[in-house]
N, C-alpha and C. Protein backbone atom coordinates (compact mmCIF):
# COMPACT_ATOMS: atom_id res chain seq x y z
N MET A 1 4.72 -26.74 28.64
CA MET A 1 4.91 -25.94 27.79
C MET A 1 5.58 -24.74 28.11
N SER A 2 6.78 -24.44 27.68
CA SER A 2 7.42 -23.15 28.11
C SER A 2 6.73 -21.70 27.35
N ARG A 3 6.99 -20.81 27.90
CA ARG A 3 6.32 -19.71 27.75
C ARG A 3 6.76 -19.00 26.76
N LEU A 4 6.21 -18.17 25.71
CA LEU A 4 6.38 -17.72 24.46
C LEU A 4 7.17 -16.45 25.02
N PRO A 5 8.41 -15.99 24.64
CA PRO A 5 9.01 -14.89 24.89
C PRO A 5 8.39 -13.43 24.53
N TYR A 6 8.60 -12.34 25.24
CA TYR A 6 7.90 -11.11 24.99
C TYR A 6 7.64 -10.56 23.53
N TRP A 7 8.87 -10.79 22.86
CA TRP A 7 9.41 -10.30 21.65
C TRP A 7 8.76 -10.87 20.43
N ALA A 8 8.32 -12.43 20.56
CA ALA A 8 7.62 -13.06 19.78
C ALA A 8 6.25 -13.05 19.96
N LEU A 9 5.86 -12.86 21.10
CA LEU A 9 4.24 -12.57 21.50
C LEU A 9 4.11 -11.61 20.57
N CYS A 10 4.62 -10.29 20.80
CA CYS A 10 4.56 -8.72 20.17
C CYS A 10 4.67 -8.85 18.60
N ALA A 11 5.82 -9.76 18.05
CA ALA A 11 5.53 -9.81 16.69
C ALA A 11 4.51 -10.78 16.11
N ALA A 12 4.21 -11.84 16.87
CA ALA A 12 2.80 -12.66 16.25
C ALA A 12 1.63 -11.54 16.24
N ILE A 13 1.62 -10.87 17.48
CA ILE A 13 0.41 -9.95 17.52
C ILE A 13 0.17 -8.80 16.49
N GLY A 14 1.78 -8.41 16.01
CA GLY A 14 1.87 -7.53 14.78
C GLY A 14 1.39 -8.10 13.59
N LEU A 15 1.95 -9.42 13.51
CA LEU A 15 1.37 -9.94 12.22
C LEU A 15 -0.15 -9.99 11.98
N LEU A 16 -0.52 -10.57 12.91
CA LEU A 16 -1.87 -10.66 12.61
C LEU A 16 -2.46 -9.48 12.94
N LEU A 17 -2.27 -8.46 13.36
CA LEU A 17 -3.15 -7.28 13.31
C LEU A 17 -2.53 -6.31 12.41
N GLY A 18 -1.67 -6.30 11.55
CA GLY A 18 -0.70 -5.73 10.72
C GLY A 18 -1.79 -6.10 9.52
N TRP A 19 -2.45 -6.83 9.11
CA TRP A 19 -3.06 -6.97 7.88
C TRP A 19 -4.22 -6.13 7.93
N LEU A 20 -4.71 -5.89 9.11
CA LEU A 20 -6.17 -5.10 8.84
C LEU A 20 -6.15 -3.92 8.55
N PRO A 21 -5.03 -3.16 8.24
CA PRO A 21 -5.36 -1.63 7.55
C PRO A 21 -5.38 -1.92 6.16
N MET A 22 -4.79 -3.26 5.78
CA MET A 22 -4.68 -3.25 4.18
C MET A 22 -6.17 -3.53 3.67
N LEU A 23 -7.20 -4.32 4.56
CA LEU A 23 -8.38 -4.76 3.96
C LEU A 23 -9.18 -3.26 4.22
N PHE A 24 -8.81 -2.31 4.78
CA PHE A 24 -10.08 -1.17 4.88
C PHE A 24 -9.34 0.23 4.28
N HIS A 25 -8.12 0.30 4.11
CA HIS A 25 -7.48 1.62 3.54
C HIS A 25 -6.36 1.26 2.81
N GLY A 26 -5.82 2.10 1.93
CA GLY A 26 -4.79 2.03 1.04
C GLY A 26 -3.16 2.17 1.51
N PRO A 27 -2.21 2.40 1.26
CA PRO A 27 -2.25 3.26 -0.30
C PRO A 27 -2.94 1.69 -1.43
N ILE A 28 -3.47 2.62 -2.47
CA ILE A 28 -3.92 1.74 -3.45
C ILE A 28 -2.79 1.80 -4.52
N PRO A 29 -2.83 0.57 -5.07
CA PRO A 29 -1.54 0.67 -6.31
C PRO A 29 -1.86 1.34 -7.52
N ALA A 30 -3.37 1.79 -7.81
CA ALA A 30 -3.53 2.54 -8.83
C ALA A 30 -2.81 3.81 -8.75
N LYS A 31 -2.74 4.49 -7.71
CA LYS A 31 -2.03 5.70 -7.55
C LYS A 31 -0.55 5.80 -8.32
N PHE A 32 -0.15 4.82 -7.65
CA PHE A 32 1.40 4.76 -8.16
C PHE A 32 1.79 4.18 -9.77
N ASP A 33 0.60 3.14 -10.31
CA ASP A 33 0.35 2.69 -11.50
C ASP A 33 0.56 3.92 -12.46
N ARG A 34 -0.40 5.13 -12.05
CA ARG A 34 -0.37 6.49 -12.93
C ARG A 34 0.76 7.06 -13.03
N LEU A 35 1.85 6.81 -12.48
CA LEU A 35 3.03 7.37 -12.21
C LEU A 35 4.05 6.54 -12.99
N TYR A 36 3.68 5.48 -13.46
CA TYR A 36 4.75 4.51 -14.25
C TYR A 36 5.61 3.86 -13.14
N ILE A 37 4.89 3.85 -12.08
CA ILE A 37 5.63 2.89 -10.74
C ILE A 37 4.56 1.67 -10.76
N ASN A 38 5.29 0.80 -10.42
CA ASN A 38 4.50 -0.61 -10.28
C ASN A 38 3.82 -0.62 -8.75
N GLY A 39 2.63 -0.34 -8.80
CA GLY A 39 1.97 -0.08 -7.69
C GLY A 39 1.86 -1.48 -6.77
N ALA A 40 1.84 -2.47 -7.33
CA ALA A 40 1.72 -3.78 -6.81
C ALA A 40 2.80 -3.84 -5.73
N VAL A 41 4.05 -3.46 -6.26
CA VAL A 41 5.22 -3.79 -5.65
C VAL A 41 5.43 -2.38 -4.48
N ALA A 42 5.01 -1.41 -4.76
CA ALA A 42 5.50 0.13 -4.06
C ALA A 42 4.59 -0.12 -2.83
N VAL A 43 3.37 -0.76 -3.03
CA VAL A 43 2.28 -0.55 -1.79
C VAL A 43 3.03 -1.78 -0.62
N TRP A 44 3.72 -2.59 -0.82
CA TRP A 44 4.43 -3.50 -0.02
C TRP A 44 5.13 -3.02 1.06
N GLY A 45 6.05 -1.76 0.63
CA GLY A 45 6.43 -1.08 1.47
C GLY A 45 5.88 -0.85 2.88
N PHE A 46 4.69 -0.35 2.74
CA PHE A 46 3.66 0.17 3.30
C PHE A 46 3.15 -0.91 4.33
N TYR A 47 2.93 -2.08 3.73
CA TYR A 47 2.31 -3.40 4.51
C TYR A 47 3.29 -4.03 5.16
N LEU A 48 4.59 -4.03 4.86
CA LEU A 48 5.49 -4.74 5.49
C LEU A 48 6.20 -3.66 6.58
N ALA A 49 6.04 -2.34 6.50
CA ALA A 49 6.21 -1.30 7.84
C ALA A 49 5.28 -1.59 8.82
N ARG A 50 4.07 -1.75 8.41
CA ARG A 50 2.63 -1.92 9.48
C ARG A 50 3.23 -3.51 10.28
N LEU A 51 3.65 -4.41 9.35
CA LEU A 51 3.68 -5.54 9.88
C LEU A 51 4.76 -5.78 11.02
N LEU A 52 5.65 -4.79 10.72
CA LEU A 52 6.65 -4.84 11.64
C LEU A 52 6.88 -4.37 12.92
N ILE A 53 5.83 -3.23 12.85
CA ILE A 53 5.56 -2.48 14.24
C ILE A 53 5.52 -3.76 15.62
N GLY A 54 4.74 -4.41 15.39
CA GLY A 54 4.95 -5.26 16.63
C GLY A 54 6.30 -6.25 17.08
N PHE A 55 6.70 -6.38 16.19
CA PHE A 55 8.45 -6.67 16.49
C PHE A 55 8.98 -5.92 16.79
N LEU A 56 9.24 -4.58 16.84
CA LEU A 56 9.88 -3.25 17.02
C LEU A 56 9.43 -3.21 18.42
N VAL A 57 8.06 -3.25 18.79
CA VAL A 57 7.89 -2.90 20.01
C VAL A 57 8.34 -4.10 20.94
N GLY A 58 8.48 -5.42 20.23
CA GLY A 58 9.14 -6.67 21.23
C GLY A 58 10.37 -6.35 21.44
N ILE A 59 11.31 -5.88 20.88
CA ILE A 59 12.51 -5.84 20.84
C ILE A 59 12.64 -4.47 21.48
N THR A 60 12.03 -3.22 21.68
CA THR A 60 12.77 -1.97 22.36
C THR A 60 12.39 -2.19 23.66
N HIS A 61 13.21 -1.62 24.29
CA HIS A 61 12.96 -1.45 25.40
C HIS A 61 12.89 0.01 26.22
N TRP A 62 12.87 0.92 25.37
CA TRP A 62 12.45 2.38 25.70
C TRP A 62 11.25 2.92 25.20
N PRO A 63 10.66 3.84 25.30
CA PRO A 63 10.25 3.71 27.14
C PRO A 63 9.76 2.45 27.52
N ARG A 64 9.66 2.59 28.39
CA ARG A 64 9.09 1.02 29.65
C ARG A 64 7.75 0.89 29.28
N PRO A 65 6.82 1.71 29.23
CA PRO A 65 5.24 1.10 29.03
C PRO A 65 5.01 0.95 27.47
N TRP A 66 4.49 -0.36 27.39
CA TRP A 66 4.37 -0.73 25.79
C TRP A 66 3.41 0.05 25.25
N TYR A 67 2.45 0.85 25.97
CA TYR A 67 1.38 1.58 25.21
C TYR A 67 1.88 3.09 24.79
N ILE A 68 3.33 3.29 25.17
CA ILE A 68 3.84 4.42 24.68
C ILE A 68 4.83 4.09 23.48
N ARG A 69 5.54 2.83 23.84
CA ARG A 69 6.43 2.63 22.90
C ARG A 69 5.68 1.89 21.71
N GLY A 70 4.73 1.63 21.66
CA GLY A 70 3.83 1.08 20.45
C GLY A 70 3.74 2.35 19.24
N PRO A 71 2.92 3.30 19.61
CA PRO A 71 3.09 4.42 18.71
C PRO A 71 4.36 4.93 18.28
N LEU A 72 5.08 5.02 19.31
CA LEU A 72 6.47 5.65 18.90
C LEU A 72 7.28 4.65 17.92
N CYS A 73 6.81 3.46 18.23
CA CYS A 73 7.67 2.39 17.11
C CYS A 73 6.64 2.57 15.76
N GLY A 74 5.53 2.78 15.76
CA GLY A 74 4.62 3.08 14.71
C GLY A 74 5.10 4.37 13.89
N VAL A 75 5.19 5.40 14.40
CA VAL A 75 5.66 6.54 13.96
C VAL A 75 7.16 6.39 13.15
N LEU A 76 7.88 5.67 14.08
CA LEU A 76 9.34 5.56 13.23
C LEU A 76 9.30 4.61 12.22
N ALA A 77 8.34 3.77 12.19
CA ALA A 77 8.48 2.63 11.14
C ALA A 77 7.71 3.26 9.52
N LEU A 78 6.74 4.30 10.10
CA LEU A 78 6.04 4.77 8.87
C LEU A 78 6.61 6.10 8.63
N LEU A 79 7.51 6.83 9.40
CA LEU A 79 8.10 7.99 8.72
C LEU A 79 8.92 8.21 7.52
N PRO A 80 9.49 7.14 7.07
CA PRO A 80 10.20 6.97 5.85
C PRO A 80 9.10 7.12 4.43
N LEU A 81 8.01 6.18 4.83
CA LEU A 81 6.85 6.12 3.77
C LEU A 81 6.15 7.25 3.70
N THR A 82 5.91 7.88 4.67
CA THR A 82 5.16 9.21 4.59
C THR A 82 5.86 10.03 3.59
N PHE A 83 7.26 10.14 3.62
CA PHE A 83 8.07 11.13 2.79
C PHE A 83 7.63 10.82 1.09
N ILE A 84 7.40 9.54 1.12
CA ILE A 84 7.32 8.87 -0.08
C ILE A 84 5.82 9.27 -0.58
N VAL A 85 4.93 9.11 0.21
CA VAL A 85 3.55 9.70 -0.12
C VAL A 85 3.50 11.09 -0.25
N LEU A 86 4.10 11.97 0.56
CA LEU A 86 4.17 13.32 0.52
C LEU A 86 4.68 13.70 -1.27
N ALA A 87 5.52 13.12 -1.48
CA ALA A 87 6.19 13.32 -2.67
C ALA A 87 5.60 12.75 -3.90
N THR A 88 4.20 11.99 -3.82
CA THR A 88 3.62 11.65 -4.93
C THR A 88 2.57 12.43 -5.34
N PRO A 89 2.62 12.81 -6.39
CA PRO A 89 1.35 13.57 -6.65
C PRO A 89 -0.07 13.01 -6.55
N GLY A 90 -1.01 13.59 -6.11
CA GLY A 90 -2.27 12.59 -5.89
C GLY A 90 -2.08 12.16 -4.65
N CYS A 91 -1.42 11.86 -3.90
CA CYS A 91 -1.50 11.26 -2.32
C CYS A 91 -1.00 12.51 -1.35
N GLY A 92 -1.03 12.38 -0.12
CA GLY A 92 -0.76 13.22 0.70
C GLY A 92 -1.65 14.26 1.01
N GLY A 93 -1.66 14.94 1.90
CA GLY A 93 -2.33 16.52 2.32
C GLY A 93 -2.39 17.30 0.68
N THR A 94 -3.78 18.17 1.01
CA THR A 94 -3.78 18.90 0.25
C THR A 94 -3.10 20.36 0.33
């Protein structure tokens, strides 16, 4: 049996662990529904960004240690969605 490539292993772990935040916290579709945005579709941007973090860690070579690369890829993947949350009334910081 051949060994699984590093990027595929990271992507598989990311896909498995990326669903956990959806079970414990939002965003919830109701916040977007209140603004006449289809909340069921809007939250998928957040879910897909979380699921892609493992893949991004696997294909990125800088910085070398994975435990630094993981949070860095996470911040870069979720940064665009942070601006959406900050622009949405009722979401983000007070």
